[in-house]
Amino acid sequence: MITIRKLILETIHMYHMPVAGNTNAGYYIVSNRDELRAFVRSITHRIQEMTDRQIRVQAYYYARNPEELAKETPDEPQNDGEGTADPFDEF
């Protein structure tokens, strides 16, 4: 299925365009340093929020299922692999 997000990523990759986005402004071409800084700040904050949520969900899961923690191995990934692929691999 083709989505707007995939088309935007393809455009960024194919045309080397500095396309950014946020929930208030939608997608836009970064045209100055202030916009770039704002985008980087925003996405860094979102990454931190997602990381914090991942840590909490894993901790709460293992607190409720301690027997599962013993099954973990050091080489085993801490997620199911969903969403970890480079989005540009498909282009």
PDB file of N, CA and C in Angstrom:
ATOM      1  N   MET A   1       0.843  -1.184   0.000  1.00  0.00           N
ATOM      2  CA  MET A   1       0.000   0.000   0.000  1.00  0.00           C
ATOM      3  C   MET A   1       0.885   1.243   0.000  1.00  0.00           C
ATOM      4  N   ILE A   2       0.592   2.157  -0.866  1.00  0.00           N
ATOM      5  CA  ILE A   2       1.338   3.410  -0.932  1.00  0.00           C
ATOM      6  C   ILE A   2       0.659   4.416  -0.015  1.00  0.00           C
ATOM      7  N   THR A   3       1.471   5.055   0.820  1.00  0.00           N
ATOM      8  CA  THR A   3       0.951   6.069   1.723  1.00  0.00           C
ATOM      9  C   THR A   3       1.644   7.395   1.440  1.00  0.00           C
ATOM     10  N   ILE A   4       1.065   8.451   1.929  1.00  0.00           N
ATOM     11  CA  ILE A   4       1.675   9.778   1.783  1.00  0.00           C
ATOM     12  C   ILE A   4       3.061   9.771   2.416  1.00  0.00           C
ATOM     13  N   ARG A   5       3.178   9.150   3.575  1.00  0.00           N
ATOM     14  CA  ARG A   5       4.469   9.101   4.264  1.00  0.00           C
ATOM     15  C   ARG A   5       5.535   8.440   3.386  1.00  0.00           C
ATOM     16  N   LYS A   6       5.178   7.328   2.740  1.00  0.00           N
ATOM     17  CA  LYS A   6       6.137   6.654   1.850  1.00  0.00           C
ATOM     18  C   LYS A   6       6.513   7.539   0.667  1.00  0.00           C
ATOM     19  N   LEU A   7       5.534   8.229   0.113  1.00  0.00           N
ATOM     20  CA  LEU A   7       5.821   9.123  -1.008  1.00  0.00           C
ATOM     21  C   LEU A   7       6.731  10.274  -0.582  1.00  0.00           C
ATOM     22  N   ILE A   8       6.511  10.803   0.605  1.00  0.00           N
ATOM     23  CA  ILE A   8       7.363  11.879   1.113  1.00  0.00           C
ATOM     24  C   ILE A   8       8.786  11.354   1.307  1.00  0.00           C
ATOM     25  N   LEU A   9       8.935  10.173   1.920  1.00  0.00           N
ATOM     26  CA  LEU A   9      10.269   9.601   2.113  1.00  0.00           C
ATOM     27  C   LEU A   9      10.959   9.354   0.779  1.00  0.00           C
ATOM     28  N   GLU A  10      10.211   8.883  -0.201  1.00  0.00           N
ATOM     29  CA  GLU A  10      10.781   8.655  -1.524  1.00  0.00           C
ATOM     30  C   GLU A  10      11.242   9.983  -2.142  1.00  0.00           C
ATOM     31  N   THR A  11      10.434  11.010  -1.997  1.00  0.00           N
ATOM     32  CA  THR A  11      10.792  12.331  -2.521  1.00  0.00           C
ATOM     33  C   THR A  11      12.053  12.857  -1.865  1.00  0.00           C
ATOM     34  N   ILE A  12      12.138  12.726  -0.553  1.00  0.00           N
ATOM     35  CA  ILE A  12      13.331  13.169   0.181  1.00  0.00           C
ATOM     36  C   ILE A  12      14.564  12.456  -0.366  1.00  0.00           C
ATOM     37  N   HIS A  13      14.442  11.169  -0.503  1.00  0.00           N
ATOM     38  CA  HIS A  13      15.579  10.358  -0.934  1.00  0.00           C
ATOM     39  C   HIS A  13      15.960  10.617  -2.397  1.00  0.00           C
ATOM     40  N   MET A  14      14.990  10.588  -3.275  1.00  0.00           N
ATOM     41  CA  MET A  14      15.266  10.709  -4.715  1.00  0.00           C
ATOM     42  C   MET A  14      15.759  12.094  -5.110  1.00  0.00           C
ATOM     43  N   TYR A  15      15.170  13.115  -4.518  1.00  0.00           N
ATOM     44  CA  TYR A  15      15.469  14.480  -4.939  1.00  0.00           C
ATOM     45  C   TYR A  15      16.343  15.244  -3.937  1.00  0.00           C
ATOM     46  N   HIS A  16      16.774  14.561  -2.876  1.00  0.00           N
ATOM     47  CA  HIS A  16      17.641  15.171  -1.854  1.00  0.00           C
ATOM     48  C   HIS A  16      17.030  16.471  -1.334  1.00  0.00           C
ATOM     49  N   MET A  17      15.747  16.399  -1.032  1.00  0.00           N
ATOM     50  CA  MET A  17      15.030  17.586  -0.559  1.00  0.00           C
ATOM     51  C   MET A  17      14.918  17.553   0.961  1.00  0.00           C
ATOM     52  N   PRO A  18      15.144  18.686   1.605  1.00  0.00           N
ATOM     53  CA  PRO A  18      15.033  18.752   3.064  1.00  0.00           C
ATOM     54  C   PRO A  18      13.571  18.920   3.501  1.00  0.00           C
ATOM     55  N   VAL A  19      12.799  17.867   3.332  1.00  0.00           N
ATOM     56  CA  VAL A  19      11.388  17.908   3.701  1.00  0.00           C
ATOM     57  C   VAL A  19      11.258  17.492   5.158  1.00  0.00           C
ATOM     58  N   ALA A  20      10.606  18.327   5.920  1.00  0.00           N
ATOM     59  CA  ALA A  20      10.358  18.048   7.335  1.00  0.00           C
ATOM     60  C   ALA A  20       8.849  18.025   7.536  1.00  0.00           C
ATOM     61  N   GLY A  21       8.454  17.752   8.744  1.00  0.00           N
ATOM     62  CA  GLY A  21       7.030  17.752   9.023  1.00  0.00           C
ATOM     63  C   GLY A  21       6.763  17.783  10.507  1.00  0.00           C
ATOM     64  N   ASN A  22       5.612  18.283  10.849  1.00  0.00           N
ATOM     65  CA  ASN A  22       5.138  18.209  12.228  1.00  0.00           C
ATOM     66  C   ASN A  22       3.620  18.168  12.204  1.00  0.00           C
ATOM     67  N   THR A  23       3.035  17.865  13.329  1.00  0.00           N
ATOM     68  CA  THR A  23       1.589  17.667  13.371  1.00  0.00           C
ATOM     69  C   THR A  23       0.817  18.958  13.144  1.00  0.00           C
ATOM     70  N   ASN A  24       1.421  20.110  13.427  1.00  0.00           N
ATOM     71  CA  ASN A  24       0.721  21.386  13.238  1.00  0.00           C
ATOM     72  C   ASN A  24       0.866  21.941  11.824  1.00  0.00           C
ATOM     73  N   ALA A  25       2.057  21.806  11.232  1.00  0.00           N
ATOM     74  CA  ALA A  25       2.322  22.428   9.935  1.00  0.00           C
ATOM     75  C   ALA A  25       2.242  21.451   8.770  1.00  0.00           C
ATOM     76  N   GLY A  26       2.145  20.171   9.037  1.00  0.00           N
ATOM     77  CA  GLY A  26       2.183  19.189   7.960  1.00  0.00           C
ATOM     78  C   GLY A  26       3.601  19.090   7.414  1.00  0.00           C
ATOM     79  N   TYR A  27       3.731  18.712   6.163  1.00  0.00           N
ATOM     80  CA  TYR A  27       5.049  18.602   5.539  1.00  0.00           C
ATOM     81  C   TYR A  27       5.424  19.945   4.923  1.00  0.00           C
ATOM     82  N   TYR A  28       6.721  20.259   4.966  1.00  0.00           N
ATOM     83  CA  TYR A  28       7.209  21.513   4.393  1.00  0.00           C
ATOM     84  C   TYR A  28       8.690  21.354   4.051  1.00  0.00           C
ATOM     85  N   ILE A  29       9.170  22.178   3.141  1.00  0.00           N
ATOM     86  CA  ILE A  29      10.582  22.169   2.780  1.00  0.00           C
ATOM     87  C   ILE A  29      11.304  23.118   3.737  1.00  0.00           C
ATOM     88  N   VAL A  30      12.306  22.595   4.405  1.00  0.00           N
ATOM     89  CA  VAL A  30      13.085  23.399   5.340  1.00  0.00           C
ATOM     90  C   VAL A  30      13.851  24.446   4.539  1.00  0.00           C
ATOM     91  N   SER A  31      13.622  25.712   4.861  1.00  0.00           N
ATOM     92  CA  SER A  31      14.207  26.777   4.045  1.00  0.00           C
ATOM     93  C   SER A  31      15.208  27.653   4.784  1.00  0.00           C
ATOM     94  N   ASN A  32      15.362  27.432   6.095  1.00  0.00           N
ATOM     95  CA  ASN A  32      16.352  28.222   6.820  1.00  0.00           C
ATOM     96  C   ASN A  32      16.812  27.469   8.062  1.00  0.00           C
ATOM     97  N   ARG A  33      17.844  27.991   8.676  1.00  0.00           N
ATOM     98  CA  ARG A  33      18.461  27.323   9.816  1.00  0.00           C
ATOM     99  C   ARG A  33      17.513  27.224  11.020  1.00  0.00           C
ATOM    100  N   ASP A  34      16.692  28.226  11.221  1.00  0.00           N
ATOM    101  CA  ASP A  34      15.744  28.183  12.345  1.00  0.00           C
ATOM    102  C   ASP A  34      14.732  27.054  12.169  1.00  0.00           C
ATOM    103  N   GLU A  35      14.239  26.872  10.950  1.00  0.00           N
ATOM    104  CA  GLU A  35      13.315  25.762  10.696  1.00  0.00           C
ATOM    105  C   GLU A  35      14.011  24.424  10.901  1.00  0.00           C
ATOM    106  N   LEU A  36      15.254  24.325  10.466  1.00  0.00           N
ATOM    107  CA  LEU A  36      16.015  23.093  10.657  1.00  0.00           C
ATOM    108  C   LEU A  36      16.186  22.799  12.140  1.00  0.00           C
ATOM    109  N   ARG A  37      16.580  23.803  12.905  1.00  0.00           N
ATOM    110  CA  ARG A  37      16.751  23.612  14.358  1.00  0.00           C
ATOM    111  C   ARG A  37      15.447  23.197  15.023  1.00  0.00           C
ATOM    112  N   ALA A  38      14.359  23.838  14.643  1.00  0.00           N
ATOM    113  CA  ALA A  38      13.054  23.496  15.227  1.00  0.00           C
ATOM    114  C   ALA A  38      12.675  22.057  14.899  1.00  0.00           C
ATOM    115  N   PHE A  39      12.913  21.638  13.649  1.00  0.00           N
ATOM    116  CA  PHE A  39      12.600  20.269  13.252  1.00  0.00           C
ATOM    117  C   PHE A  39      13.445  19.271  14.041  1.00  0.00           C
ATOM    118  N   VAL A  40      14.747  19.529  14.127  1.00  0.00           N
ATOM    119  CA  VAL A  40      15.640  18.607  14.845  1.00  0.00           C
ATOM    120  C   VAL A  40      15.236  18.529  16.315  1.00  0.00           C
ATOM    121  N   ARG A  41      14.926  19.666  16.910  1.00  0.00           N
ATOM    122  CA  ARG A  41      14.488  19.680  18.312  1.00  0.00           C
ATOM    123  C   ARG A  41      13.213  18.858  18.484  1.00  0.00           C
ATOM    124  N   SER A  42      12.268  19.050  17.572  1.00  0.00           N
ATOM    125  CA  SER A  42      10.988  18.347  17.649  1.00  0.00           C
ATOM    126  C   SER A  42      11.160  16.840  17.496  1.00  0.00           C
ATOM    127  N   ILE A  43      11.910  16.429  16.496  1.00  0.00           N
ATOM    128  CA  ILE A  43      12.050  14.993  16.256  1.00  0.00           C
ATOM    129  C   ILE A  43      12.878  14.335  17.354  1.00  0.00           C
ATOM    130  N   THR A  44      13.866  15.051  17.894  1.00  0.00           N
ATOM    131  CA  THR A  44      14.655  14.516  19.005  1.00  0.00           C
ATOM    132  C   THR A  44      13.764  14.294  20.220  1.00  0.00           C
ATOM    133  N   HIS A  45      12.863  15.231  20.469  1.00  0.00           N
ATOM    134  CA  HIS A  45      11.921  15.092  21.586  1.00  0.00           C
ATOM    135  C   HIS A  45      11.000  13.884  21.372  1.00  0.00           C
ATOM    136  N   ARG A  46      10.511  13.706  20.136  1.00  0.00           N
ATOM    137  CA  ARG A  46       9.644  12.562  19.837  1.00  0.00           C
ATOM    138  C   ARG A  46      10.380  11.242  20.015  1.00  0.00           C
ATOM    139  N   ILE A  47      11.640  11.200  19.572  1.00  0.00           N
ATOM    140  CA  ILE A  47      12.438   9.982  19.745  1.00  0.00           C
ATOM    141  C   ILE A  47      12.586   9.660  21.222  1.00  0.00           C
ATOM    142  N   GLN A  48      12.863  10.678  22.039  1.00  0.00           N
ATOM    143  CA  GLN A  48      13.021  10.450  23.473  1.00  0.00           C
ATOM    144  C   GLN A  48      11.722   9.955  24.097  1.00  0.00           C
ATOM    145  N   GLU A  49      10.596  10.536  23.693  1.00  0.00           N
ATOM    146  CA  GLU A  49       9.304  10.068  24.212  1.00  0.00           C
ATOM    147  C   GLU A  49       9.061   8.611  23.868  1.00  0.00           C
ATOM    148  N   MET A  50       9.371   8.215  22.624  1.00  0.00           N
ATOM    149  CA  MET A  50       9.167   6.823  22.212  1.00  0.00           C
ATOM    150  C   MET A  50      10.113   5.882  22.960  1.00  0.00           C
ATOM    151  N   THR A  51      11.342   6.315  23.166  1.00  0.00           N
ATOM    152  CA  THR A  51      12.302   5.500  23.910  1.00  0.00           C
ATOM    153  C   THR A  51      11.843   5.313  25.349  1.00  0.00           C
ATOM    154  N   ASP A  52      11.393   6.397  25.970  1.00  0.00           N
ATOM    155  CA  ASP A  52      10.875   6.309  27.343  1.00  0.00           C
ATOM    156  C   ASP A  52       9.695   5.349  27.415  1.00  0.00           C
ATOM    157  N   ARG A  53       8.799   5.426  26.441  1.00  0.00           N
ATOM    158  CA  ARG A  53       7.638   4.534  26.427  1.00  0.00           C
ATOM    159  C   ARG A  53       8.075   3.080  26.255  1.00  0.00           C
ATOM    160  N   GLN A  54       9.031   2.827  25.354  1.00  0.00           N
ATOM    161  CA  GLN A  54       9.532   1.470  25.153  1.00  0.00           C
ATOM    162  C   GLN A  54      10.081   0.904  26.456  1.00  0.00           C
ATOM    163  N   ILE A  55      10.887   1.682  27.144  1.00  0.00           N
ATOM    164  CA  ILE A  55      11.488   1.230  28.403  1.00  0.00           C
ATOM    165  C   ILE A  55      10.406   0.914  29.427  1.00  0.00           C
ATOM    166  N   ARG A  56       9.415   1.793  29.536  1.00  0.00           N
ATOM    167  CA  ARG A  56       8.337   1.565  30.512  1.00  0.00           C
ATOM    168  C   ARG A  56       7.520   0.320  30.170  1.00  0.00           C
ATOM    169  N   VAL A  57       7.160   0.171  28.900  1.00  0.00           N
ATOM    170  CA  VAL A  57       6.346  -0.987  28.500  1.00  0.00           C
ATOM    171  C   VAL A  57       7.100  -2.279  28.786  1.00  0.00           C
ATOM    172  N   GLN A  58       8.394  -2.315  28.432  1.00  0.00           N
ATOM    173  CA  GLN A  58       9.180  -3.516  28.704  1.00  0.00           C
ATOM    174  C   GLN A  58       9.275  -3.777  30.205  1.00  0.00           C
ATOM    175  N   ALA A  59       9.536  -2.755  30.982  1.00  0.00           N
ATOM    176  CA  ALA A  59       9.655  -2.930  32.432  1.00  0.00           C
ATOM    177  C   ALA A  59       8.342  -3.427  33.029  1.00  0.00           C
ATOM    178  N   TYR A  60       7.222  -2.834  32.619  1.00  0.00           N
ATOM    179  CA  TYR A  60       5.929  -3.243  33.156  1.00  0.00           C
ATOM    180  C   TYR A  60       5.568  -4.665  32.717  1.00  0.00           C
ATOM    181  N   TYR A  61       5.919  -5.003  31.465  1.00  0.00           N
ATOM    182  CA  TYR A  61       5.657  -6.365  30.987  1.00  0.00           C
ATOM    183  C   TYR A  61       6.410  -7.381  31.850  1.00  0.00           C
ATOM    184  N   TYR A  62       7.716  -7.155  32.043  1.00  0.00           N
ATOM    185  CA  TYR A  62       8.513  -8.109  32.808  1.00  0.00           C
ATOM    186  C   TYR A  62       8.154  -8.105  34.287  1.00  0.00           C
ATOM    187  N   ALA A  63       7.661  -6.991  34.796  1.00  0.00           N
ATOM    188  CA  ALA A  63       7.186  -6.965  36.183  1.00  0.00           C
ATOM    189  C   ALA A  63       5.964  -7.865  36.334  1.00  0.00           C
ATOM    190  N   ARG A  64       5.125  -7.930  35.306  1.00  0.00           N
ATOM    191  CA  ARG A  64       3.933  -8.780  35.334  1.00  0.00           C
ATOM    192  C   ARG A  64       4.233 -10.207  34.904  1.00  0.00           C
ATOM    193  N   ASN A  65       5.338 -10.406  34.182  1.00  0.00           N
ATOM    194  CA  ASN A  65       5.690 -11.717  33.647  1.00  0.00           C
ATOM    195  C   ASN A  65       7.161 -12.023  33.933  1.00  0.00           C
ATOM    196  N   PRO A  66       7.542 -12.135  35.192  1.00  0.00           N
ATOM    197  CA  PRO A  66       8.962 -12.317  35.517  1.00  0.00           C
ATOM    198  C   PRO A  66       9.561 -13.591  34.931  1.00  0.00           C
ATOM    199  N   GLU A  67       8.750 -14.601  34.695  1.00  0.00           N
ATOM    200  CA  GLU A  67       9.269 -15.838  34.113  1.00  0.00           C
ATOM    201  C   GLU A  67       9.793 -15.601  32.690  1.00  0.00           C
ATOM    202  N   GLU A  68       9.269 -14.604  32.004  1.00  0.00           N
ATOM    203  CA  GLU A  68       9.720 -14.277  30.648  1.00  0.00           C
ATOM    204  C   GLU A  68      11.112 -13.645  30.657  1.00  0.00           C
ATOM    205  N   LEU A  69      11.445 -12.944  31.701  1.00  0.00           N
ATOM    206  CA  LEU A  69      12.751 -12.298  31.794  1.00  0.00           C
ATOM    207  C   LEU A  69      13.869 -13.324  31.789  1.00  0.00           C
ATOM    208  N   ALA A  70      13.633 -14.461  32.419  1.00  0.00           N
ATOM    209  CA  ALA A  70      14.639 -15.522  32.459  1.00  0.00           C
ATOM    210  C   ALA A  70      14.887 -16.107  31.071  1.00  0.00           C
ATOM    211  N   LYS A  71      13.932 -15.969  30.161  1.00  0.00           N
ATOM    212  CA  LYS A  71      14.071 -16.502  28.803  1.00  0.00           C
ATOM    213  C   LYS A  71      14.909 -15.603  27.907  1.00  0.00           C
ATOM    214  N   GLU A  72      15.112 -14.342  28.297  1.00  0.00           N
ATOM    215  CA  GLU A  72      15.885 -13.398  27.487  1.00  0.00           C
ATOM    216  C   GLU A  72      17.336 -13.840  27.420  1.00  0.00           C
ATOM    217  N   THR A  73      17.924 -13.670  26.258  1.00  0.00           N
ATOM    218  CA  THR A  73      19.344 -13.939  26.109  1.00  0.00           C
ATOM    219  C   THR A  73      20.031 -12.635  25.729  1.00  0.00           C
ATOM    220  N   PRO A  74      21.314 -12.489  26.019  1.00  0.00           N
ATOM    221  CA  PRO A  74      21.991 -11.226  25.704  1.00  0.00           C
ATOM    222  C   PRO A  74      21.966 -10.865  24.219  1.00  0.00           C
ATOM    223  N   ASP A  75      21.937 -11.873  23.338  1.00  0.00           N
ATOM    224  CA  ASP A  75      21.938 -11.604  21.909  1.00  0.00           C
ATOM    225  C   ASP A  75      20.557 -11.360  21.334  1.00  0.00           C
ATOM    226  N   GLU A  76      19.527 -11.576  22.129  1.00  0.00           N
ATOM    227  CA  GLU A  76      18.159 -11.443  21.646  1.00  0.00           C
ATOM    228  C   GLU A  76      17.785  -9.973  21.564  1.00  0.00           C
ATOM    229  N   PRO A  77      17.206  -9.537  20.436  1.00  0.00           N
ATOM    230  CA  PRO A  77      16.802  -8.132  20.329  1.00  0.00           C
ATOM    231  C   PRO A  77      15.721  -7.811  21.352  1.00  0.00           C
ATOM    232  N   GLN A  78      15.671  -6.564  21.759  1.00  0.00           N
ATOM    233  CA  GLN A  78      14.706  -6.135  22.763  1.00  0.00           C
ATOM    234  C   GLN A  78      13.378  -5.706  22.154  1.00  0.00           C
ATOM    235  N   ASN A  79      13.217  -5.921  20.845  1.00  0.00           N
ATOM    236  CA  ASN A  79      11.932  -5.656  20.212  1.00  0.00           C
ATOM    237  C   ASN A  79      11.677  -6.756  19.194  1.00  0.00           C
ATOM    238  N   ASP A  80      10.528  -6.695  18.548  1.00  0.00           N
ATOM    239  CA  ASP A  80      10.171  -7.754  17.609  1.00  0.00           C
ATOM    240  C   ASP A  80      10.648  -7.470  16.185  1.00  0.00           C
ATOM    241  N   GLY A  81      11.421  -6.407  16.011  1.00  0.00           N
ATOM    242  CA  GLY A  81      11.932  -6.076  14.694  1.00  0.00           C
ATOM    243  C   GLY A  81      11.019  -5.178  13.888  1.00  0.00           C
ATOM    244  N   GLU A  82       9.807  -4.945  14.356  1.00  0.00           N
ATOM    245  CA  GLU A  82       8.883  -4.079  13.640  1.00  0.00           C
ATOM    246  C   GLU A  82       9.376  -2.648  13.719  1.00  0.00           C
ATOM    247  N   GLY A  83       9.378  -1.978  12.590  1.00  0.00           N
ATOM    248  CA  GLY A  83       9.711  -0.569  12.561  1.00  0.00           C
ATOM    249  C   GLY A  83      11.188  -0.262  12.684  1.00  0.00           C
ATOM    250  N   THR A  84      12.050  -1.286  12.618  1.00  0.00           N
ATOM    251  CA  THR A  84      13.464  -1.029  12.781  1.00  0.00           C
ATOM    252  C   THR A  84      14.202  -0.938  11.458  1.00  0.00           C
ATOM    253  N   ALA A  85      13.553  -1.281  10.369  1.00  0.00           N
ATOM    254  CA  ALA A  85      14.217  -1.243   9.065  1.00  0.00           C
ATOM    255  C   ALA A  85      14.408   0.199   8.623  1.00  0.00           C
ATOM    256  N   ASP A  86      15.457   0.416   7.859  1.00  0.00           N
ATOM    257  CA  ASP A  86      15.705   1.721   7.285  1.00  0.00           C
ATOM    258  C   ASP A  86      14.628   1.988   6.246  1.00  0.00           C
ATOM    259  N   PRO A  87      13.860   3.073   6.382  1.00  0.00           N
ATOM    260  CA  PRO A  87      12.768   3.328   5.430  1.00  0.00           C
ATOM    261  C   PRO A  87      13.262   3.553   4.015  1.00  0.00           C
ATOM    262  N   PHE A  88      14.549   3.858   3.841  1.00  0.00           N
ATOM    263  CA  PHE A  88      15.069   4.096   2.504  1.00  0.00           C
ATOM    264  C   PHE A  88      15.510   2.811   1.810  1.00  0.00           C
ATOM    265  N   ASP A  89      15.516   1.697   2.516  1.00  0.00           N
ATOM    266  CA  ASP A  89      15.914   0.431   1.912  1.00  0.00           C
ATOM    267  C   ASP A  89      15.007   0.042   0.754  1.00  0.00           C
ATOM    268  N   GLU A  90      13.761   0.461   0.790  1.00  0.00           N
ATOM    269  CA  GLU A  90      12.819   0.051  -0.241  1.00  0.00           C
ATOM    270  C   GLU A  90      12.906   0.902  -1.500  1.00  0.00           C
ATOM    271  N   PHE A  91      13.759   1.925  -1.525  1.00  0.00           N
ATOM    272  CA  PHE A  91      13.853   2.803  -2.695  1.00  0.00           C
ATOM    273  C   PHE A  91      15.055   2.478  -3.529  1.00  0.00           C
TER     274      PHE A  91
END
